[in-house]
C-alpha cells in the first residue's frame, strides 16, 4: 500500500492550498505593482534630471565654440573649471576626432574617447545625447576582486544574493554617472563636442530605497496575509472538519452523532442537513432493530405453539383421535396466523422497495367500498355486528385498485375485530374539496390518546392479549398508511376509550393528483 509523504500531505491539505493560493496572488500583485511603480518613478526621476543636464550642456557647447576655435588653452581650462564647479561635475571638450582637448580634472587630456554618446553627436546623427554609466569605486573594486574562495562566498551571501532579491538596502558596486554630450558647431560644421558628466547616485540610491521598502512591505503583507489566511481558513474549514468527523462516525454505525450547526451560513445549513439525515438514519436503524425483534417474536410465538402441540401429540400413546384432531386444528390455526404474518411482511417489504410497480388507473371509491362491504358483511354477521354504509357519493381518483381494496379491507376488518358483539361499523365515501374522503367508524373499545401517534407503527398493539385473540399481526395499519402515502393522501384517527374510533382517509381526486405530480 502506497504511503503519503509528510510533504505531499502538507501540500494536499485544503487549508494550506488556500493559504498558499492567497500568498501567491498577493505576491504576484505586489511584484507587478512594484515593477510598475519603480519603473515609472525611475524613468520620471532620471529623465527629469537628465533633461535639465542636456539643456545645460547644449548651452555650454555654444559658449565653448569660440574658445575651441581660437585654441586658447588657458581660456578653455578656466571655462571647464568654472562650469564643472557650478554643477559639481566634470566637463570635457574634444575635437572633431574625439580627442580630449581639455578635461576639468586633467585626467583624459590628449586621450581619444569612444563613448557612444560622443560618437552620436560628432557624426551629426543627434543634436545631443546622454548615457548612464557605472564607474567602479576603489572600495567596491577591492570587494569585487577580493582574493580567495571564502571571500567570494562571503560576498555572494552578504551582498550579491540579498541585493538580487532586494532583501537589503542597495549597496552600489560603483558610482552611477550620467554622460551628456552636445556638438560644438561652427560655420564649417561640427568642430568638436562638449561632454558633461555628473553623478546621479542620489537618484539611484532613492530608487534602491524605494525598491527595498516595497519589497519589505510585500514580504510583511505576505506574512500578515498568510497569518490571516490561516485564521480564516481555520474558521472556514472547522465546520468541514466537524462534518467529516460526523460522516466518519455515521459510516462506522454511530447514527446518534450530531455536528454543531449555528448561524445561517452554507456550512451551518449543511450541518443542519447532516443532523437531519443522521436523525433519520438513527430512527430507521431503531425501527429496523425493533422490526427484526418484533418480527422474530411474532414468528416465534406460533412456531413455539406448533412445537408444543406437536410434541404433546407425539407423546400420546395410544393416540386419542378426538384430542389429535383438536391439536391439529390448533396447529392449523397457528400456521394460518404465521402465513398471514409472513404475507403482511412481504407486502410491506415490497412496498418499501424500489421494485414496487405502481400502476395508476381510474378507481371509483364508492363502488370499491360497496364491494368490500359486501365481502365483509358475513364476517360482521358472525359477530352480530351491524355493517352498514351511511352514504356513498360518486368519487373517482387515480390509483392502484388492488392497493386501495386492501386498504379498505384492512380498515373495515380492523373495525370489526375491535368492536364487541352488538356493535355497529359504518362506512362512507364522500367528495370533499378536491379530494375523496373514505371513512370507517365503529362503536368499539376505542384508543387511548397516548397510543394514537404510534398506531401505524409496525407491530404496535394497544392491547397485545386482545390483539392476539383477534388474530391480528400488528401490520395491518402499517400497510394502510403505506398505501395512503403512495396515493399522496393522509389518514386521520379520532378515538376515545370506550367511545369508538373513526378512521378517515383523504385521497386527492384525479385532476388534483395529476396537478401535484406535474
Protein backbone atom coordinates (compact mmCIF):
# COMPACT_ATOMS: atom_id res chain seq x y z
CA UNK A 1 0.00 0.00 0.00
CA UNK A 2 1.49 3.33 -1.06
CA UNK A 3 2.27 5.79 1.73
CA UNK A 4 1.88 9.55 1.52
CA UNK A 5 4.93 11.58 2.48
CA UNK A 6 4.51 14.42 5.03
CA UNK A 7 5.38 16.99 2.35
CA UNK A 8 2.73 15.63 -0.04
CA UNK A 9 0.22 15.50 2.79
CA UNK A 10 1.07 19.10 3.69
CA UNK A 11 0.54 20.46 0.19
CA UNK A 12 -2.56 18.30 -0.37
CA UNK A 13 -4.27 19.89 2.63
CA UNK A 14 -7.12 22.20 1.62
CA UNK A 15 -6.12 24.63 4.35
CA UNK A 16 -2.60 25.07 3.05
CA UNK A 17 -3.81 25.24 -0.52
CA UNK A 18 -5.94 28.21 0.47
CA UNK A 19 -3.05 29.88 2.31
CA UNK A 20 -0.56 29.29 -0.50
CA UNK A 21 -3.10 30.45 -3.06
CA UNK A 22 -3.65 33.72 -1.19
CA UNK A 23 0.10 34.22 -0.80
CA UNK A 24 0.72 33.56 -4.49
CA UNK A 25 -1.95 36.08 -5.51
CA UNK A 26 -0.66 38.74 -3.09
CA UNK A 27 2.99 38.27 -4.06
CA UNK A 28 2.15 38.34 -7.76
CA UNK A 29 0.11 41.52 -7.31
CA UNK A 30 2.84 43.24 -5.31
CA UNK A 31 5.52 42.12 -7.75
CA UNK A 32 3.63 43.69 -10.64
CA UNK A 33 2.88 46.80 -8.60
CA UNK A 34 6.49 47.11 -7.50
CA UNK A 35 7.74 46.69 -11.06
CA UNK A 36 5.32 49.31 -12.38
CA UNK A 37 5.92 51.86 -9.62
CA UNK A 38 9.70 51.51 -9.62
CA UNK A 39 9.99 51.84 -13.37
CA UNK A 40 7.58 54.76 -13.59
CA UNK A 41 9.30 56.65 -10.77
CA UNK A 42 12.74 55.69 -12.03
CA UNK A 43 12.01 56.92 -15.52
CA UNK A 44 10.49 60.12 -14.19
CA UNK A 45 13.32 60.96 -11.79
CA UNK A 46 16.17 60.10 -14.17
CA UNK A 47 14.52 61.66 -17.22
CA UNK A 48 13.72 64.86 -15.36
CA UNK A 49 17.25 65.17 -14.03
CA UNK A 50 18.95 64.30 -17.32
CA UNK A 51 16.74 66.61 -19.39
CA UNK A 52 17.96 69.52 -17.28
CA UNK A 53 21.57 68.44 -17.84
CA UNK A 54 21.02 68.20 -21.62
CA UNK A 55 19.73 71.79 -21.76
CA UNK A 56 22.75 72.94 -19.78
CA UNK A 57 25.28 71.02 -21.89
CA UNK A 58 23.79 72.39 -25.13
CA UNK A 59 24.17 75.92 -23.76
CA UNK A 60 27.75 75.22 -22.65
CA UNK A 61 28.59 73.82 -26.09
CA UNK A 62 27.51 77.09 -27.69
CA UNK A 63 29.62 79.07 -25.21
CA UNK A 64 32.66 76.83 -25.77
CA UNK A 65 32.66 77.15 -29.58
CA UNK A 66 34.70 80.39 -29.85
CA UNK A 67 37.13 79.15 -27.20
CA UNK A 68 37.77 75.92 -29.09
CA UNK A 69 38.08 77.78 -32.41
CA UNK A 70 40.72 80.18 -31.08
CA UNK A 71 42.59 77.36 -29.35
CA UNK A 72 43.37 79.35 -26.18
CA UNK A 73 44.18 76.65 -23.62
CA UNK A 74 44.01 78.94 -20.59
CA UNK A 75 40.54 80.15 -21.54
CA UNK A 76 39.35 76.60 -22.19
CA UNK A 77 40.70 75.41 -18.85
CA UNK A 78 39.08 78.31 -17.00
CA UNK A 79 35.79 77.59 -18.81
CA UNK A 80 35.66 73.90 -17.96
CA UNK A 81 36.76 74.53 -14.37
CA UNK A 82 34.09 77.15 -13.81
CA UNK A 83 31.25 75.07 -15.28
CA UNK A 84 32.38 71.88 -13.54
CA UNK A 85 32.40 73.71 -10.22
CA UNK A 86 28.95 75.20 -10.84
CA UNK A 87 27.30 71.79 -11.27
CA UNK A 88 29.68 69.76 -9.12
CA UNK A 89 30.52 67.58 -12.09
CA UNK A 90 33.12 67.12 -14.78
CA UNK A 91 33.44 68.88 -18.15
CA UNK A 92 35.47 67.67 -21.14
CA UNK A 93 35.97 69.27 -24.56
CA UNK A 94 37.04 67.18 -27.55
CA UNK A 95 37.88 67.98 -31.14
CA UNK A 96 36.02 66.53 -34.11
CA UNK A 97 38.06 63.29 -33.82
CA UNK A 98 37.01 62.67 -30.21
CA UNK A 99 40.42 63.57 -28.74
CA UNK A 100 40.10 65.36 -25.41
CA UNK A 101 41.36 68.96 -25.68
CA UNK A 102 40.53 69.93 -22.12
CA UNK A 103 39.42 67.98 -19.02
CA UNK A 104 38.35 69.73 -15.85
CA UNK A 105 40.18 67.01 -13.86
CA UNK A 106 43.16 66.97 -16.30
CA UNK A 107 42.92 63.13 -16.37
CA UNK A 108 41.97 62.46 -20.01
CA UNK A 109 43.81 65.29 -21.80
CA UNK A 110 45.01 64.06 -25.16
CA UNK A 111 43.10 60.74 -24.92
CA UNK A 112 40.66 59.55 -27.56
CA UNK A 113 37.20 58.75 -26.18
CA UNK A 114 34.94 56.11 -27.71
CA UNK A 115 31.75 56.84 -25.83
CA UNK A 116 28.63 56.11 -27.87
CA UNK A 117 27.14 59.45 -26.80
CA UNK A 118 30.20 61.26 -28.17
CA UNK A 119 30.15 59.30 -31.42
CA UNK A 120 26.47 60.14 -31.99
CA UNK A 121 26.92 63.89 -31.64
CA UNK A 122 30.19 64.03 -33.62
CA UNK A 123 28.61 62.13 -36.50
CA UNK A 124 25.69 64.56 -36.52
CA UNK A 125 23.07 61.80 -36.01
CA UNK A 126 21.93 63.52 -32.79
CA UNK A 127 21.95 67.10 -31.64
CA UNK A 128 22.53 65.90 -28.07
CA UNK A 129 22.72 62.54 -26.34
CA UNK A 130 23.22 61.04 -22.93
CA UNK A 131 24.05 57.71 -21.32
CA UNK A 132 24.14 56.20 -17.83
CA UNK A 133 27.33 54.51 -16.67
CA UNK A 134 28.56 52.75 -13.56
CA UNK A 135 32.05 53.75 -12.52
CA UNK A 136 33.72 51.35 -10.03
CA UNK A 137 34.87 52.91 -6.76
CA UNK A 138 38.06 51.87 -5.07
CA UNK A 139 36.30 50.17 -2.15
CA UNK A 140 33.94 48.15 -4.30
CA UNK A 141 36.67 47.30 -6.76
CA UNK A 142 38.52 45.62 -3.93
CA UNK A 143 35.34 43.81 -2.88
CA UNK A 144 34.72 42.68 -6.45
CA UNK A 145 38.21 41.32 -6.88
CA UNK A 146 38.74 40.03 -3.33
CA UNK A 147 41.07 37.05 -3.12
CA UNK A 148 40.16 33.55 -2.09
CA UNK A 149 37.15 31.27 -2.24
CA UNK A 150 35.78 32.27 1.16
CA UNK A 151 35.90 35.98 0.28
CA UNK A 152 33.90 35.31 -2.89
CA UNK A 153 31.40 33.15 -0.97
CA UNK A 154 31.06 35.83 1.71
CA UNK A 155 30.31 38.46 -0.94
CA UNK A 156 27.65 36.23 -2.52
CA UNK A 157 25.91 35.56 0.77
CA UNK A 158 26.18 39.05 2.27
CA UNK A 159 25.83 41.25 -0.82
CA UNK A 160 25.02 39.74 -4.18
CA UNK A 161 22.17 37.35 -3.33
CA UNK A 162 20.33 39.74 -0.94
CA UNK A 163 20.83 42.58 -3.43
CA UNK A 164 19.45 40.47 -6.27
CA UNK A 165 16.25 39.68 -4.37
CA UNK A 166 16.17 43.18 -2.84
CA UNK A 167 16.21 41.77 0.67
CA UNK A 168 18.53 44.51 1.93
CA UNK A 169 19.13 48.19 1.11
CA UNK A 170 21.02 48.82 -2.10
CA UNK A 171 24.79 48.96 -1.75
CA UNK A 172 26.24 50.02 -5.10
CA UNK A 173 29.35 48.36 -6.51
CA UNK A 174 30.21 51.69 -8.14
CA UNK A 175 29.00 55.21 -8.72
CA UNK A 176 26.19 55.87 -11.18
CA UNK A 177 27.15 58.69 -13.58
CA UNK A 178 25.26 60.42 -16.42
CA UNK A 179 27.27 61.41 -19.53
CA UNK A 180 25.68 64.22 -21.54
CA UNK A 181 27.21 65.23 -24.87
CA UNK A 182 26.45 68.08 -27.27
CA UNK A 183 28.25 69.04 -30.53
CA UNK A 184 30.33 72.22 -30.83
CA UNK A 185 29.31 73.63 -34.18
CA UNK A 186 31.00 76.44 -36.13
CA UNK A 187 30.40 77.79 -39.60
CA UNK A 188 32.07 74.76 -41.21
CA UNK A 189 30.10 72.16 -39.25
CA UNK A 190 30.82 70.01 -36.20
CA UNK A 191 34.20 71.12 -34.83
CA UNK A 192 34.11 69.15 -31.57
CA UNK A 193 31.95 68.16 -28.63
CA UNK A 194 31.38 69.05 -25.02
CA UNK A 195 30.88 66.21 -22.55
CA UNK A 196 29.37 66.80 -19.19
CA UNK A 197 29.43 64.02 -16.58
CA UNK A 198 27.68 64.26 -13.24
CA UNK A 199 26.85 61.76 -10.51
CA UNK A 200 23.24 60.62 -10.27
CA UNK A 201 23.95 58.29 -7.36
CA UNK A 202 21.49 60.12 -5.12
CA UNK A 203 18.64 59.36 -7.52
CA UNK A 204 19.78 55.75 -7.86
CA UNK A 205 20.01 55.40 -4.08
CA UNK A 206 16.48 56.79 -3.69
CA UNK A 207 15.16 54.30 -6.23
CA UNK A 208 17.01 51.48 -4.49
CA UNK A 209 15.48 52.56 -1.18
CA UNK A 210 12.01 52.58 -2.78
CA UNK A 211 12.60 49.08 -4.17
CA UNK A 212 13.75 47.84 -0.79
CA UNK A 213 10.81 49.42 1.02
CA UNK A 214 8.30 47.97 -1.42
CA UNK A 215 9.92 44.54 -1.18
CA UNK A 216 9.92 44.71 2.61
CA UNK A 217 6.29 45.87 2.51
CA UNK A 218 5.36 43.00 0.19
CA UNK A 219 7.06 40.47 2.48
CA UNK A 220 5.38 41.97 5.55
CA UNK A 221 1.96 42.00 3.92
CA UNK A 222 2.52 38.45 2.66
CA UNK A 223 3.32 37.28 6.21
CA UNK A 224 0.28 39.11 7.59
CA UNK A 225 -1.87 37.73 4.79
CA UNK A 226 -0.55 34.25 5.50
CA UNK A 227 -1.47 34.53 9.19
CA UNK A 228 -4.90 35.94 8.36
CA UNK A 229 -5.39 33.21 5.76
CA UNK A 230 -4.58 30.60 8.40
CA UNK A 231 -7.14 32.16 10.73
CA UNK A 232 -9.82 32.49 8.07
CA UNK A 233 -9.15 29.05 6.61
CA UNK A 234 -9.36 27.55 10.07
CA UNK A 235 -12.70 29.31 10.61
CA UNK A 236 -13.92 28.14 7.21
CA UNK A 237 -12.66 24.56 7.44
CA UNK A 238 -13.58 23.97 11.10
CA UNK A 239 -17.22 23.10 10.26
CA UNK A 240 -15.96 20.99 7.35
CA UNK A 241 -13.75 19.02 9.74
CA UNK A 242 -16.71 18.56 12.08
CA UNK A 243 -18.78 17.35 9.15
CA UNK A 244 -16.07 14.93 8.02
CA UNK A 245 -15.77 13.64 11.59
CA UNK A 246 -19.54 13.21 11.73
CA UNK A 247 -19.63 11.37 8.39
CA UNK A 248 -16.88 9.06 9.63
CA UNK A 249 -18.88 8.36 12.81
CA UNK A 250 -22.04 7.64 10.82
CA UNK A 251 -20.07 5.42 8.43
CA UNK A 252 -18.91 3.44 11.48
CA UNK A 253 -22.53 2.97 12.59
CA UNK A 254 -22.86 5.74 15.19
CA UNK A 255 -26.10 7.33 13.97
CA UNK A 256 -26.52 9.31 17.20
CA UNK A 257 -23.65 11.66 16.35
CA UNK A 258 -24.55 15.31 15.65
CA UNK A 259 -22.38 18.18 14.40
CA UNK A 260 -22.53 21.76 15.75
CA UNK A 261 -24.62 23.89 13.38
CA UNK A 262 -25.07 27.51 14.35
CA UNK A 263 -25.88 30.54 12.23
CA UNK A 264 -27.29 30.77 8.72
CA UNK A 265 -24.22 30.19 6.56
CA UNK A 266 -23.98 27.47 3.90
CA UNK A 267 -21.86 25.37 6.27
CA UNK A 268 -24.50 25.71 9.01
CA UNK A 269 -27.18 24.67 6.52
CA UNK A 270 -25.02 21.70 5.56
CA UNK A 271 -24.64 20.84 9.25
CA UNK A 272 -28.41 21.02 9.81
CA UNK A 273 -28.99 18.78 6.80
CA UNK A 274 -26.41 16.30 8.11
CA UNK A 275 -28.05 16.27 11.55
CA UNK A 276 -31.45 15.72 9.94
CA UNK A 277 -30.03 12.87 7.90
CA UNK A 278 -28.33 11.27 10.92
CA UNK A 279 -31.54 11.57 12.96
CA UNK A 280 -33.48 9.82 10.21
CA UNK A 281 -30.81 7.16 9.93
CA UNK A 282 -30.91 6.70 13.71
CA UNK A 283 -34.69 6.40 13.59
CA UNK A 284 -34.53 3.96 10.67
CA UNK A 285 -31.87 1.92 12.46
CA UNK A 286 -34.03 1.84 15.58
CA UNK A 287 -37.07 0.89 13.53
CA UNK A 288 -35.10 -1.83 11.76
CA UNK A 289 -33.85 -3.31 15.02
CA UNK A 290 -37.33 -3.08 16.52
CA UNK A 291 -38.84 -4.55 13.37
CA UNK A 292 -36.44 -7.51 13.40
CA UNK A 293 -37.06 -8.04 17.10
CA UNK A 294 -40.83 -7.83 16.74
CA UNK A 295 -40.90 -9.98 13.63
CA UNK A 296 -38.77 -12.60 15.35
CA UNK A 297 -41.03 -12.51 18.38
CA UNK A 298 -44.21 -12.71 16.31
CA UNK A 299 -42.86 -15.61 14.27
CA UNK A 300 -41.51 -17.35 17.34
CA UNK A 301 -44.90 -17.39 19.09
CA UNK A 302 -46.77 -19.55 16.52
CA UNK A 303 -43.70 -21.73 15.99
CA UNK A 304 -43.48 -22.36 19.72
CA UNK A 305 -47.18 -23.21 19.80
CA UNK A 306 -46.81 -25.59 16.88
CA UNK A 307 -43.81 -27.26 18.52
CA UNK A 308 -45.60 -27.72 21.86
CA UNK A 309 -48.75 -29.06 20.22
CA UNK A 310 -46.72 -31.42 18.03
CA UNK A 311 -44.70 -32.76 20.98
CA UNK A 312 -47.86 -33.34 23.02
CA UNK A 313 -49.45 -35.08 20.05
CA UNK A 314 -46.42 -37.33 19.56
CA UNK A 315 -46.20 -38.10 23.29
CA UNK A 316 -49.69 -39.67 23.33
CA UNK A 317 -49.71 -43.43 23.13
CA UNK A 318 -52.15 -44.66 22.13
CA UNK A 319 -53.22 -41.52 20.29
CA UNK A 320 -56.70 -40.20 21.10
CA UNK A 321 -58.41 -39.36 17.81
CA UNK A 322 -60.55 -36.55 19.26
CA UNK A 323 -57.58 -34.97 21.05
CA UNK A 324 -55.39 -35.37 17.96
CA UNK A 325 -57.98 -33.60 15.82
CA UNK A 326 -58.16 -30.78 18.35
CA UNK A 327 -54.36 -30.43 18.38
CA UNK A 328 -54.17 -30.49 14.59
CA UNK A 329 -56.86 -27.81 14.42
CA UNK A 330 -54.79 -25.61 16.77
CA UNK A 331 -51.69 -26.30 14.69
CA UNK A 332 -53.55 -25.32 11.54
CA UNK A 333 -54.65 -22.05 13.20
CA UNK A 334 -51.06 -21.24 14.17
CA UNK A 335 -49.89 -21.99 10.64
CA UNK A 336 -52.60 -19.72 9.23
CA UNK A 337 -51.56 -16.98 11.62
CA UNK A 338 -47.90 -17.36 10.68
CA UNK A 339 -48.80 -17.41 6.98
CA UNK A 340 -50.78 -14.19 7.41
CA UNK A 341 -47.86 -12.57 9.23
CA UNK A 342 -45.35 -13.58 6.55
CA UNK A 343 -47.73 -12.36 3.85
CA UNK A 344 -48.05 -8.96 5.54
CA UNK A 345 -44.27 -8.75 5.91
CA UNK A 346 -43.83 -9.48 2.22
CA UNK A 347 -46.38 -6.81 1.32
CA UNK A 348 -44.57 -4.18 3.41
CA UNK A 349 -41.19 -5.22 2.08
CA UNK A 350 -42.45 -4.97 -1.48
CA UNK A 351 -43.93 -1.52 -0.83
CA UNK A 352 -40.69 -0.29 0.74
CA UNK A 353 -38.55 -1.48 -2.16
CA UNK A 354 -37.91 0.42 -5.39
CA UNK A 355 -39.17 -2.60 -7.32
CA UNK A 356 -42.80 -1.92 -6.41
CA UNK A 357 -44.71 -1.09 -9.60
CA UNK A 358 -47.46 1.44 -9.04
CA UNK A 359 -49.84 1.21 -11.99
CA UNK A 360 -52.38 4.02 -11.83
CA UNK A 361 -55.85 3.81 -13.26
CA UNK A 362 -59.21 5.48 -12.58
CA UNK A 363 -60.83 3.98 -9.47
CA UNK A 364 -64.40 4.58 -8.25
CA UNK A 365 -64.11 4.74 -4.46
CA UNK A 366 -67.85 4.38 -3.91
CA UNK A 367 -68.18 1.15 -5.91
CA UNK A 368 -64.93 -0.22 -4.43
CA UNK A 369 -66.17 0.48 -0.89
CA UNK A 370 -69.50 -1.24 -1.65
CA UNK A 371 -67.60 -4.27 -2.91
CA UNK A 372 -65.50 -4.53 0.25
CA UNK A 373 -68.55 -4.04 2.49
CA UNK A 374 -70.35 -6.88 0.66
CA UNK A 375 -67.38 -9.17 1.23
CA UNK A 376 -67.05 -8.32 4.95
CA UNK A 377 -70.79 -8.48 5.66
CA UNK A 378 -70.68 -12.18 6.52
CA UNK A 379 -67.77 -11.72 8.94
CA UNK A 380 -69.67 -8.93 10.72
CA UNK A 381 -72.81 -11.05 10.92
CA UNK A 382 -70.91 -13.87 12.66
CA UNK A 383 -70.11 -11.41 15.49
CA UNK A 384 -73.61 -9.92 15.46
CA UNK A 385 -72.15 -6.61 14.28
CA UNK A 386 -74.08 -4.28 12.03
CA UNK A 387 -72.01 -3.30 8.98
CA UNK A 388 -73.67 -0.51 7.03
CA UNK A 389 -72.93 2.26 4.56
CA UNK A 390 -74.06 5.75 5.52
CA UNK A 391 -73.57 7.41 2.15
CA UNK A 392 -71.54 6.50 -0.90
CA UNK A 393 -71.11 9.53 -3.15
CA UNK A 394 -69.57 9.02 -6.62
CA UNK A 395 -65.84 9.74 -6.29
CA UNK A 396 -63.12 8.91 -8.81
CA UNK A 397 -59.39 9.03 -8.16
CA UNK A 398 -56.23 7.89 -9.91
CA UNK A 399 -54.66 4.96 -8.11
CA UNK A 400 -53.97 1.25 -7.82
CA UNK A 401 -57.25 -0.61 -7.35
CA UNK A 402 -55.74 -3.65 -5.64
CA UNK A 403 -53.94 -1.48 -3.06
CA UNK A 404 -56.99 0.66 -2.35
CA UNK A 405 -59.07 -2.51 -1.98
CA UNK A 406 -56.60 -3.85 0.59
CA UNK A 407 -56.60 -0.50 2.44
CA UNK A 408 -60.41 -0.53 2.78
CA UNK A 409 -60.42 -4.22 3.67
CA UNK A 410 -57.86 -3.75 6.46
CA UNK A 411 -59.68 -0.76 7.98
CA UNK A 412 -63.12 -2.46 7.93
CA UNK A 413 -61.65 -5.75 9.18
CA UNK A 414 -59.86 -3.92 11.97
CA UNK A 415 -63.09 -2.13 12.98
CA UNK A 416 -65.00 -5.43 13.09
CA UNK A 417 -62.28 -7.17 15.14
CA UNK A 418 -62.20 -4.49 17.84
CA UNK A 419 -65.96 -3.93 18.07
CA UNK A 420 -67.85 -6.08 20.59
CA UNK A 421 -70.95 -8.08 19.67
CA UNK A 422 -73.98 -5.97 19.00
CA UNK A 423 -71.88 -3.02 17.87
CA UNK A 424 -72.02 -1.08 14.61
CA UNK A 425 -69.45 -0.34 11.87
CA UNK A 426 -70.29 2.39 9.38
CA UNK A 427 -68.60 3.05 6.04
CA UNK A 428 -68.97 6.20 3.95
CA UNK A 429 -67.48 7.80 0.84
CA UNK A 430 -67.97 11.46 0.04
CA UNK A 431 -66.40 14.15 -2.08
CA UNK A 432 -64.56 16.99 -0.34
CA UNK A 433 -62.62 19.97 -1.62
CA UNK A 434 -60.53 18.42 -4.47
CA UNK A 435 -60.39 15.12 -2.56
CA UNK A 436 -62.23 11.90 -1.92
CA UNK A 437 -62.92 11.03 1.72
CA UNK A 438 -63.29 7.41 2.89
CA UNK A 439 -64.44 6.96 6.49
CA UNK A 440 -64.79 3.88 8.73
CA UNK A 441 -66.32 4.40 12.17
CA UNK A 442 -67.11 1.85 14.85
CA UNK A 443 -68.57 1.58 18.35
CA UNK A 444 -65.67 -0.48 19.62
CA UNK A 445 -63.27 -0.26 22.55
CA UNK A 446 -61.61 2.98 21.44
CA UNK A 447 -57.96 4.02 21.73
CA UNK A 448 -56.05 5.93 24.40
CA UNK A 449 -54.86 9.37 23.16
CA UNK A 450 -51.28 8.42 24.12
CA UNK A 451 -51.38 5.45 21.75
CA UNK A 452 -52.72 7.24 18.66
CA UNK A 453 -49.30 8.61 17.46
CA UNK A 454 -47.92 5.05 17.42
CA UNK A 455 -50.97 3.41 15.94
CA UNK A 456 -49.45 2.96 12.46
CA UNK A 457 -46.05 1.70 13.66
CA UNK A 458 -45.25 -1.84 12.67
CA UNK A 459 -46.16 -4.49 15.30
CA UNK A 460 -47.67 -1.85 17.57
CA UNK A 461 -50.58 -3.17 19.65
CA UNK A 462 -52.69 -1.32 22.16
CA UNK A 463 -53.68 -4.49 23.98
CA UNK A 464 -51.42 -7.35 22.96
CA UNK A 465 -53.54 -10.03 24.61
CA UNK A 466 -56.71 -8.82 22.90
CA UNK A 467 -54.87 -8.42 19.56
CA UNK A 468 -53.66 -11.99 19.59
CA UNK A 469 -57.11 -13.25 20.46
CA UNK A 470 -58.46 -11.47 17.38
CA UNK A 471 -55.70 -12.86 15.22
CA UNK A 472 -54.06 -9.53 14.35
CA UNK A 473 -50.44 -9.35 13.23
CA UNK A 474 -49.80 -5.71 14.13
CA UNK A 475 -49.05 -4.87 10.49
CA UNK A 476 -52.49 -4.09 9.06
CA UNK A 477 -52.50 -0.37 9.86
CA UNK A 478 -48.86 -0.02 8.73
CA UNK A 479 -49.91 -1.39 5.35
CA UNK A 480 -52.87 1.02 5.29
CA UNK A 481 -50.65 4.05 5.94
CA UNK A 482 -48.15 2.95 3.30
CA UNK A 483 -50.92 2.62 0.69
CA UNK A 484 -52.36 6.03 1.60
CA UNK A 485 -48.93 7.65 1.30
CA UNK A 486 -48.37 6.06 -2.10
CA UNK A 487 -51.61 7.72 -3.25
CA UNK A 488 -50.42 11.11 -1.85
CA UNK A 489 -53.15 11.05 0.76
CA UNK A 490 -53.38 11.31 4.54
CA UNK A 491 -55.14 9.31 7.22
CA UNK A 492 -56.63 10.73 10.42
CA UNK A 493 -57.68 8.99 13.64
CA UNK A 494 -60.33 10.17 16.11
CA UNK A 495 -60.89 7.97 19.13
CA UNK A 496 -61.57 7.88 22.83
CA UNK A 497 -61.58 4.87 25.20
CA UNK A 498 -64.95 3.05 25.15
CA UNK A 499 -66.33 5.61 22.65
CA UNK A 500 -65.37 4.01 19.36
CA UNK A 501 -62.92 5.01 16.63
CA UNK A 502 -63.20 6.96 13.38
CA UNK A 503 -60.62 6.37 10.63
CA UNK A 504 -60.72 8.99 7.85
CA UNK A 505 -58.68 8.70 4.64
CA UNK A 506 -58.22 11.75 2.39
CA UNK A 507 -57.22 10.97 -1.21
CA UNK A 508 -56.73 13.64 -3.94
CA UNK A 509 -59.11 13.48 -6.88
CA UNK A 510 -57.88 12.55 -10.35
CA UNK A 511 -57.23 16.08 -11.66
CA UNK A 512 -55.76 17.31 -8.41
CA UNK A 513 -53.47 14.29 -8.19
CA UNK A 514 -52.19 14.86 -11.74
CA UNK A 515 -51.57 18.53 -10.91
CA UNK A 516 -49.49 17.53 -7.87
CA UNK A 517 -47.39 15.15 -9.95
CA UNK A 518 -46.81 17.82 -12.61
